């Protein structure tokens, strides 16, 4: 297992755990190496705050499935 951090803090959070589980989508996916983005199996959103979910639509545009609690998905209007 490898843990790749692309941001941690109030400006945005995103971690990828190999074999390629993304945790949170608070970082613009263009800042993540595209070879990593192509391997991501799914993204887990921990909660609806923008620094954890801001780029969820961009992540979905990569064809990556997004998982979160029903309450988080409702708040994010997904």
PDB file of N, CA and C in Angstrom:
ATOM      1  N   UNK A   1       0.848  -1.162   0.000  1.00  0.00           N
ATOM      2  CA  UNK A   1       0.000   0.000   0.000  1.00  0.00           C
ATOM      3  C   UNK A   1       0.899   1.231   0.000  1.00  0.00           C
ATOM      4  N   UNK A   2       0.450   2.240  -0.742  1.00  0.00           N
ATOM      5  CA  UNK A   2       1.142   3.516  -0.805  1.00  0.00           C
ATOM      6  C   UNK A   2       0.112   4.619  -0.591  1.00  0.00           C
ATOM      7  N   UNK A   3       0.481   5.647   0.143  1.00  0.00           N
ATOM      8  CA  UNK A   3      -0.414   6.771   0.399  1.00  0.00           C
ATOM      9  C   UNK A   3       0.185   8.010  -0.263  1.00  0.00           C
ATOM     10  N   UNK A   4      -0.578   8.600  -1.190  1.00  0.00           N
ATOM     11  CA  UNK A   4      -0.133   9.776  -1.925  1.00  0.00           C
ATOM     12  C   UNK A   4      -1.005  10.953  -1.527  1.00  0.00           C
ATOM     13  N   UNK A   5      -0.431  11.980  -0.913  1.00  0.00           N
ATOM     14  CA  UNK A   5      -1.195  13.143  -0.483  1.00  0.00           C
ATOM     15  C   UNK A   5      -1.017  14.270  -1.484  1.00  0.00           C
ATOM     16  N   UNK A   6      -2.138  14.815  -1.971  1.00  0.00           N
ATOM     17  CA  UNK A   6      -2.108  15.925  -2.910  1.00  0.00           C
ATOM     18  C   UNK A   6      -2.623  17.211  -2.274  1.00  0.00           C
ATOM     19  N   UNK A   7      -2.928  17.169  -1.021  1.00  0.00           N
ATOM     20  CA  UNK A   7      -3.359  18.361  -0.308  1.00  0.00           C
ATOM     21  C   UNK A   7      -3.954  17.990   1.025  1.00  0.00           C
ATOM     22  N   UNK A   8      -3.655  18.800   2.030  1.00  0.00           N
ATOM     23  CA  UNK A   8      -4.208  18.570   3.354  1.00  0.00           C
ATOM     24  C   UNK A   8      -4.280  19.909   4.064  1.00  0.00           C
ATOM     25  N   UNK A   9      -5.475  20.392   4.251  1.00  0.00           N
ATOM     26  CA  UNK A   9      -5.641  21.671   4.926  1.00  0.00           C
ATOM     27  C   UNK A   9      -6.896  22.368   4.457  1.00  0.00           C
ATOM     28  N   UNK A  10      -7.108  23.566   4.942  1.00  0.00           N
ATOM     29  CA  UNK A  10      -8.342  24.273   4.631  1.00  0.00           C
ATOM     30  C   UNK A  10      -8.450  24.677   3.170  1.00  0.00           C
ATOM     31  N   UNK A  11      -7.340  24.701   2.437  1.00  0.00           N
ATOM     32  CA  UNK A  11      -7.405  25.051   1.015  1.00  0.00           C
ATOM     33  C   UNK A  11      -7.780  23.860   0.147  1.00  0.00           C
ATOM     34  N   UNK A  12      -7.737  22.647   0.687  1.00  0.00           N
ATOM     35  CA  UNK A  12      -8.158  21.465  -0.063  1.00  0.00           C
ATOM     36  C   UNK A  12      -7.515  20.194   0.444  1.00  0.00           C
ATOM     37  N   UNK A  13      -8.274  19.100   0.379  1.00  0.00           N
ATOM     38  CA  UNK A  13      -7.804  17.801   0.846  1.00  0.00           C
ATOM     39  C   UNK A  13      -8.009  16.759  -0.233  1.00  0.00           C
ATOM     40  N   UNK A  14      -7.003  15.939  -0.453  1.00  0.00           N
ATOM     41  CA  UNK A  14      -7.123  14.826  -1.391  1.00  0.00           C
ATOM     42  C   UNK A  14      -5.976  13.866  -1.143  1.00  0.00           C
ATOM     43  N   UNK A  15      -6.309  12.613  -0.935  1.00  0.00           N
ATOM     44  CA  UNK A  15      -5.327  11.556  -0.727  1.00  0.00           C
ATOM     45  C   UNK A  15      -5.707  10.386  -1.611  1.00  0.00           C
ATOM     46  N   UNK A  16      -4.704   9.750  -2.213  1.00  0.00           N
ATOM     47  CA  UNK A  16      -4.946   8.538  -2.997  1.00  0.00           C
ATOM     48  C   UNK A  16      -4.192   7.413  -2.321  1.00  0.00           C
ATOM     49  N   UNK A  17      -4.921   6.346  -2.030  1.00  0.00           N
ATOM     50  CA  UNK A  17      -4.331   5.166  -1.407  1.00  0.00           C
ATOM     51  C   UNK A  17      -4.279   4.087  -2.467  1.00  0.00           C
ATOM     52  N   UNK A  18      -3.086   3.578  -2.751  1.00  0.00           N
ATOM     53  CA  UNK A  18      -3.000   2.509  -3.747  1.00  0.00           C
ATOM     54  C   UNK A  18      -3.372   1.209  -3.060  1.00  0.00           C
ATOM     55  N   UNK A  19      -4.126   0.347  -3.724  1.00  0.00           N
ATOM     56  CA  UNK A  19      -4.444   0.403  -5.138  1.00  0.00           C
ATOM     57  C   UNK A  19      -5.574   1.355  -5.480  1.00  0.00           C
ATOM     58  N   UNK A  20      -5.307   2.621  -5.488  1.00  0.00           N
ATOM     59  CA  UNK A  20      -6.059   3.696  -6.118  1.00  0.00           C
ATOM     60  C   UNK A  20      -7.482   3.926  -5.631  1.00  0.00           C
ATOM     61  N   UNK A  21      -7.559   4.251  -4.354  1.00  0.00           N
ATOM     62  CA  UNK A  21      -8.789   4.732  -3.740  1.00  0.00           C
ATOM     63  C   UNK A  21      -8.534   6.198  -3.388  1.00  0.00           C
ATOM     64  N   UNK A  22      -9.322   7.088  -3.948  1.00  0.00           N
ATOM     65  CA  UNK A  22      -9.173   8.505  -3.634  1.00  0.00           C
ATOM     66  C   UNK A  22     -10.050   8.830  -2.431  1.00  0.00           C
ATOM     67  N   UNK A  23      -9.481   9.544  -1.480  1.00  0.00           N
ATOM     68  CA  UNK A  23     -10.228  10.000  -0.310  1.00  0.00           C
ATOM     69  C   UNK A  23     -10.307  11.517  -0.401  1.00  0.00           C
ATOM     70  N   UNK A  24     -11.514  12.015  -0.635  1.00  0.00           N
ATOM     71  CA  UNK A  24     -11.849  13.427  -0.763  1.00  0.00           C
ATOM     72  C   UNK A  24     -11.446  13.993  -2.124  1.00  0.00           C
ATOM     73  N   UNK A  25     -12.155  15.040  -2.500  1.00  0.00           N
ATOM     74  CA  UNK A  25     -11.983  15.671  -3.809  1.00  0.00           C
ATOM     75  C   UNK A  25     -11.897  17.181  -3.655  1.00  0.00           C
ATOM     76  N   UNK A  26     -11.046  17.622  -2.765  1.00  0.00           N
ATOM     77  CA  UNK A  26     -10.899  19.048  -2.524  1.00  0.00           C
ATOM     78  C   UNK A  26      -9.790  19.698  -3.324  1.00  0.00           C
ATOM     79  N   UNK A  27      -9.104  18.925  -4.146  1.00  0.00           N
ATOM     80  CA  UNK A  27      -7.998  19.418  -4.967  1.00  0.00           C
ATOM     81  C   UNK A  27      -8.379  19.258  -6.431  1.00  0.00           C
ATOM     82  N   UNK A  28      -8.049  20.246  -7.243  1.00  0.00           N
ATOM     83  CA  UNK A  28      -8.309  20.164  -8.678  1.00  0.00           C
ATOM     84  C   UNK A  28      -7.593  18.936  -9.244  1.00  0.00           C
ATOM     85  N   UNK A  29      -8.318  18.047  -9.913  1.00  0.00           N
ATOM     86  CA  UNK A  29      -7.682  16.829 -10.422  1.00  0.00           C
ATOM     87  C   UNK A  29      -6.568  17.096 -11.434  1.00  0.00           C
ATOM     88  N   UNK A  30      -6.516  18.288 -12.006  1.00  0.00           N
ATOM     89  CA  UNK A  30      -5.408  18.619 -12.915  1.00  0.00           C
ATOM     90  C   UNK A  30      -4.084  18.729 -12.173  1.00  0.00           C
ATOM     91  N   UNK A  31      -4.141  18.874 -10.842  1.00  0.00           N
ATOM     92  CA  UNK A  31      -2.924  18.945 -10.035  1.00  0.00           C
ATOM     93  C   UNK A  31      -2.412  17.554  -9.637  1.00  0.00           C
ATOM     94  N   UNK A  32      -3.175  16.535  -9.985  1.00  0.00           N
ATOM     95  CA  UNK A  32      -2.809  15.145  -9.684  1.00  0.00           C
ATOM     96  C   UNK A  32      -2.269  14.530 -10.962  1.00  0.00           C
ATOM     97  N   UNK A  33      -1.144  13.813 -10.895  1.00  0.00           N
ATOM     98  CA  UNK A  33      -0.612  13.200 -12.116  1.00  0.00           C
ATOM     99  C   UNK A  33      -1.689  12.381 -12.835  1.00  0.00           C
ATOM    100  N   UNK A  34      -1.807  12.594 -14.127  1.00  0.00           N
ATOM    101  CA  UNK A  34      -2.853  11.929 -14.905  1.00  0.00           C
ATOM    102  C   UNK A  34      -2.717  10.409 -14.888  1.00  0.00           C
ATOM    103  N   UNK A  35      -1.500   9.897 -14.757  1.00  0.00           N
ATOM    104  CA  UNK A  35      -1.347   8.435 -14.666  1.00  0.00           C
ATOM    105  C   UNK A  35      -1.968   7.908 -13.382  1.00  0.00           C
ATOM    106  N   UNK A  36      -1.991   8.733 -12.326  1.00  0.00           N
ATOM    107  CA  UNK A  36      -2.666   8.354 -11.082  1.00  0.00           C
ATOM    108  C   UNK A  36      -4.174   8.444 -11.280  1.00  0.00           C
ATOM    109  N   UNK A  37      -4.647   9.542 -11.867  1.00  0.00           N
ATOM    110  CA  UNK A  37      -6.089   9.723 -12.081  1.00  0.00           C
ATOM    111  C   UNK A  37      -6.680   8.587 -12.908  1.00  0.00           C
ATOM    112  N   UNK A  38      -5.958   8.110 -13.897  1.00  0.00           N
ATOM    113  CA  UNK A  38      -6.472   7.020 -14.743  1.00  0.00           C
ATOM    114  C   UNK A  38      -6.613   5.703 -13.980  1.00  0.00           C
ATOM    115  N   UNK A  39      -5.913   5.577 -12.862  1.00  0.00           N
ATOM    116  CA  UNK A  39      -5.930   4.327 -12.096  1.00  0.00           C
ATOM    117  C   UNK A  39      -6.909   4.341 -10.927  1.00  0.00           C
ATOM    118  N   UNK A  40      -7.467   5.517 -10.585  1.00  0.00           N
ATOM    119  CA  UNK A  40      -8.359   5.621  -9.427  1.00  0.00           C
ATOM    120  C   UNK A  40      -9.617   4.794  -9.667  1.00  0.00           C
ATOM    121  N   UNK A  41      -9.910   3.876  -8.747  1.00  0.00           N
ATOM    122  CA  UNK A  41     -11.087   3.008  -8.848  1.00  0.00           C
ATOM    123  C   UNK A  41     -12.355   3.713  -8.369  1.00  0.00           C
ATOM    124  N   UNK A  42     -12.260   4.464  -7.266  1.00  0.00           N
ATOM    125  CA  UNK A  42     -13.401   5.215  -6.751  1.00  0.00           C
ATOM    126  C   UNK A  42     -12.906   6.278  -5.791  1.00  0.00           C
ATOM    127  N   UNK A  43     -13.798   7.207  -5.466  1.00  0.00           N
ATOM    128  CA  UNK A  43     -13.483   8.298  -4.549  1.00  0.00           C
ATOM    129  C   UNK A  43     -14.455   8.250  -3.372  1.00  0.00           C
ATOM    130  N   UNK A  44     -13.928   8.325  -2.188  1.00  0.00           N
ATOM    131  CA  UNK A  44     -14.717   8.362  -0.964  1.00  0.00           C
ATOM    132  C   UNK A  44     -14.687   9.786  -0.415  1.00  0.00           C
ATOM    133  N   UNK A  45     -15.854  10.417  -0.308  1.00  0.00           N
ATOM    134  CA  UNK A  45     -15.959  11.765   0.245  1.00  0.00           C
ATOM    135  C   UNK A  45     -16.292  11.641   1.718  1.00  0.00           C
ATOM    136  N   UNK A  46     -15.450  12.193   2.582  1.00  0.00           N
ATOM    137  CA  UNK A  46     -15.659  12.043   4.022  1.00  0.00           C
ATOM    138  C   UNK A  46     -16.786  12.927   4.549  1.00  0.00           C
ATOM    139  N   UNK A  47     -16.933  14.137   3.975  1.00  0.00           N
ATOM    140  CA  UNK A  47     -18.023  15.031   4.356  1.00  0.00           C
ATOM    141  C   UNK A  47     -18.111  16.164   3.349  1.00  0.00           C
ATOM    142  N   UNK A  48     -19.148  16.992   3.490  1.00  0.00           N
ATOM    143  CA  UNK A  48     -19.501  17.941   2.439  1.00  0.00           C
ATOM    144  C   UNK A  48     -18.728  19.252   2.428  1.00  0.00           C
ATOM    145  N   UNK A  49     -17.867  19.503   3.362  1.00  0.00           N
ATOM    146  CA  UNK A  49     -17.124  20.766   3.351  1.00  0.00           C
ATOM    147  C   UNK A  49     -16.342  20.900   2.052  1.00  0.00           C
ATOM    148  N   UNK A  50     -16.282  22.130   1.528  1.00  0.00           N
ATOM    149  CA  UNK A  50     -15.665  22.372   0.230  1.00  0.00           C
ATOM    150  C   UNK A  50     -14.232  21.918   0.111  1.00  0.00           C
ATOM    151  N   UNK A  51     -13.472  21.999   1.193  1.00  0.00           N
ATOM    152  CA  UNK A  51     -12.078  21.568   1.109  1.00  0.00           C
ATOM    153  C   UNK A  51     -11.952  20.049   0.996  1.00  0.00           C
ATOM    154  N   UNK A  52     -13.072  19.340   1.084  1.00  0.00           N
ATOM    155  CA  UNK A  52     -13.088  17.889   0.904  1.00  0.00           C
ATOM    156  C   UNK A  52     -13.883  17.475  -0.333  1.00  0.00           C
ATOM    157  N   UNK A  53     -14.725  18.375  -0.855  1.00  0.00           N
ATOM    158  CA  UNK A  53     -15.637  17.969  -1.932  1.00  0.00           C
ATOM    159  C   UNK A  53     -15.710  18.930  -3.116  1.00  0.00           C
ATOM    160  N   UNK A  54     -14.950  19.994  -3.104  1.00  0.00           N
ATOM    161  CA  UNK A  54     -15.053  21.060  -4.110  1.00  0.00           C
ATOM    162  C   UNK A  54     -15.000  20.553  -5.545  1.00  0.00           C
ATOM    163  N   UNK A  55     -14.187  19.557  -5.848  1.00  0.00           N
ATOM    164  CA  UNK A  55     -13.983  19.095  -7.224  1.00  0.00           C
ATOM    165  C   UNK A  55     -14.672  17.765  -7.521  1.00  0.00           C
ATOM    166  N   UNK A  56     -15.729  17.470  -6.784  1.00  0.00           N
ATOM    167  CA  UNK A  56     -16.413  16.196  -6.953  1.00  0.00           C
ATOM    168  C   UNK A  56     -16.951  16.031  -8.382  1.00  0.00           C
ATOM    169  N   UNK A  57     -17.480  17.099  -8.972  1.00  0.00           N
ATOM    170  CA  UNK A  57     -18.003  16.996 -10.340  1.00  0.00           C
ATOM    171  C   UNK A  57     -16.873  16.750 -11.335  1.00  0.00           C
ATOM    172  N   UNK A  58     -15.743  17.378 -11.128  1.00  0.00           N
ATOM    173  CA  UNK A  58     -14.592  17.143 -12.003  1.00  0.00           C
ATOM    174  C   UNK A  58     -14.104  15.700 -11.876  1.00  0.00           C
ATOM    175  N   UNK A  59     -14.113  15.183 -10.665  1.00  0.00           N
ATOM    176  CA  UNK A  59     -13.706  13.786 -10.443  1.00  0.00           C
ATOM    177  C   UNK A  59     -14.672  12.855 -11.175  1.00  0.00           C
ATOM    178  N   UNK A  60     -15.954  13.143 -11.080  1.00  0.00           N
ATOM    179  CA  UNK A  60     -16.951  12.313 -11.764  1.00  0.00           C
ATOM    180  C   UNK A  60     -16.781  12.388 -13.277  1.00  0.00           C
ATOM    181  N   UNK A  61     -16.320  13.532 -13.800  1.00  0.00           N
ATOM    182  CA  UNK A  61     -16.083  13.657 -15.238  1.00  0.00           C
ATOM    183  C   UNK A  61     -14.975  12.720 -15.723  1.00  0.00           C
ATOM    184  N   UNK A  62     -14.126  12.257 -14.817  1.00  0.00           N
ATOM    185  CA  UNK A  62     -13.113  11.263 -15.148  1.00  0.00           C
ATOM    186  C   UNK A  62     -13.704   9.857 -15.192  1.00  0.00           C
ATOM    187  N   UNK A  63     -15.003   9.749 -14.881  1.00  0.00           N
ATOM    188  CA  UNK A  63     -15.645   8.441 -14.856  1.00  0.00           C
ATOM    189  C   UNK A  63     -15.412   7.690 -13.556  1.00  0.00           C
ATOM    190  N   UNK A  64     -15.005   8.416 -12.530  1.00  0.00           N
ATOM    191  CA  UNK A  64     -14.721   7.812 -11.228  1.00  0.00           C
ATOM    192  C   UNK A  64     -15.995   7.831 -10.390  1.00  0.00           C
ATOM    193  N   UNK A  65     -16.374   6.675  -9.865  1.00  0.00           N
ATOM    194  CA  UNK A  65     -17.529   6.587  -8.974  1.00  0.00           C
ATOM    195  C   UNK A  65     -17.200   7.269  -7.650  1.00  0.00           C
ATOM    196  N   UNK A  66     -18.212   7.939  -7.088  1.00  0.00           N
ATOM    197  CA  UNK A  66     -18.040   8.669  -5.833  1.00  0.00           C
ATOM    198  C   UNK A  66     -18.968   8.057  -4.792  1.00  0.00           C
ATOM    199  N   UNK A  67     -18.432   7.823  -3.593  1.00  0.00           N
ATOM    200  CA  UNK A  67     -19.195   7.264  -2.490  1.00  0.00           C
ATOM    201  C   UNK A  67     -19.130   8.206  -1.291  1.00  0.00           C
ATOM    202  N   UNK A  68     -20.243   8.307  -0.594  1.00  0.00           N
ATOM    203  CA  UNK A  68     -20.339   9.120   0.623  1.00  0.00           C
ATOM    204  C   UNK A  68     -21.615   8.703   1.333  1.00  0.00           C
ATOM    205  N   UNK A  69     -21.816   9.226   2.512  1.00  0.00           N
ATOM    206  CA  UNK A  69     -23.065   8.938   3.206  1.00  0.00           C
ATOM    207  C   UNK A  69     -24.219   9.604   2.460  1.00  0.00           C
ATOM    208  N   UNK A  70     -25.421   9.133   2.684  1.00  0.00           N
ATOM    209  CA  UNK A  70     -26.600   9.708   2.044  1.00  0.00           C
ATOM    210  C   UNK A  70     -26.736  11.185   2.403  1.00  0.00           C
ATOM    211  N   UNK A  71     -26.442  11.546   3.639  1.00  0.00           N
ATOM    212  CA  UNK A  71     -26.536  12.935   4.067  1.00  0.00           C
ATOM    213  C   UNK A  71     -25.533  13.824   3.345  1.00  0.00           C
ATOM    214  N   UNK A  72     -24.326  13.339   3.159  1.00  0.00           N
ATOM    215  CA  UNK A  72     -23.318  14.109   2.428  1.00  0.00           C
ATOM    216  C   UNK A  72     -23.714  14.282   0.982  1.00  0.00           C
ATOM    217  N   UNK A  73     -24.185  13.225   0.344  1.00  0.00           N
ATOM    218  CA  UNK A  73     -24.609  13.318  -1.055  1.00  0.00           C
ATOM    219  C   UNK A  73     -25.772  14.285  -1.214  1.00  0.00           C
ATOM    220  N   UNK A  74     -26.676  14.278  -0.233  1.00  0.00           N
ATOM    221  CA  UNK A  74     -27.816  15.197  -0.297  1.00  0.00           C
ATOM    222  C   UNK A  74     -27.358  16.648  -0.186  1.00  0.00           C
ATOM    223  N   UNK A  75     -26.467  16.923   0.771  1.00  0.00           N
ATOM    224  CA  UNK A  75     -25.946  18.279   0.939  1.00  0.00           C
ATOM    225  C   UNK A  75     -25.227  18.747  -0.325  1.00  0.00           C
ATOM    226  N   UNK A  76     -24.543  17.828  -1.008  1.00  0.00           N
ATOM    227  CA  UNK A  76     -23.806  18.170  -2.218  1.00  0.00           C
ATOM    228  C   UNK A  76     -24.692  18.168  -3.463  1.00  0.00           C
ATOM    229  N   UNK A  77     -25.980  17.832  -3.253  1.00  0.00           N
ATOM    230  CA  UNK A  77     -26.962  17.774  -4.349  1.00  0.00           C
ATOM    231  C   UNK A  77     -26.514  16.838  -5.471  1.00  0.00           C
ATOM    232  N   UNK A  78     -26.094  15.648  -5.045  1.00  0.00           N
ATOM    233  CA  UNK A  78     -25.669  14.616  -6.006  1.00  0.00           C
ATOM    234  C   UNK A  78     -26.654  13.466  -5.953  1.00  0.00           C
TER     235      UNK A  78
END
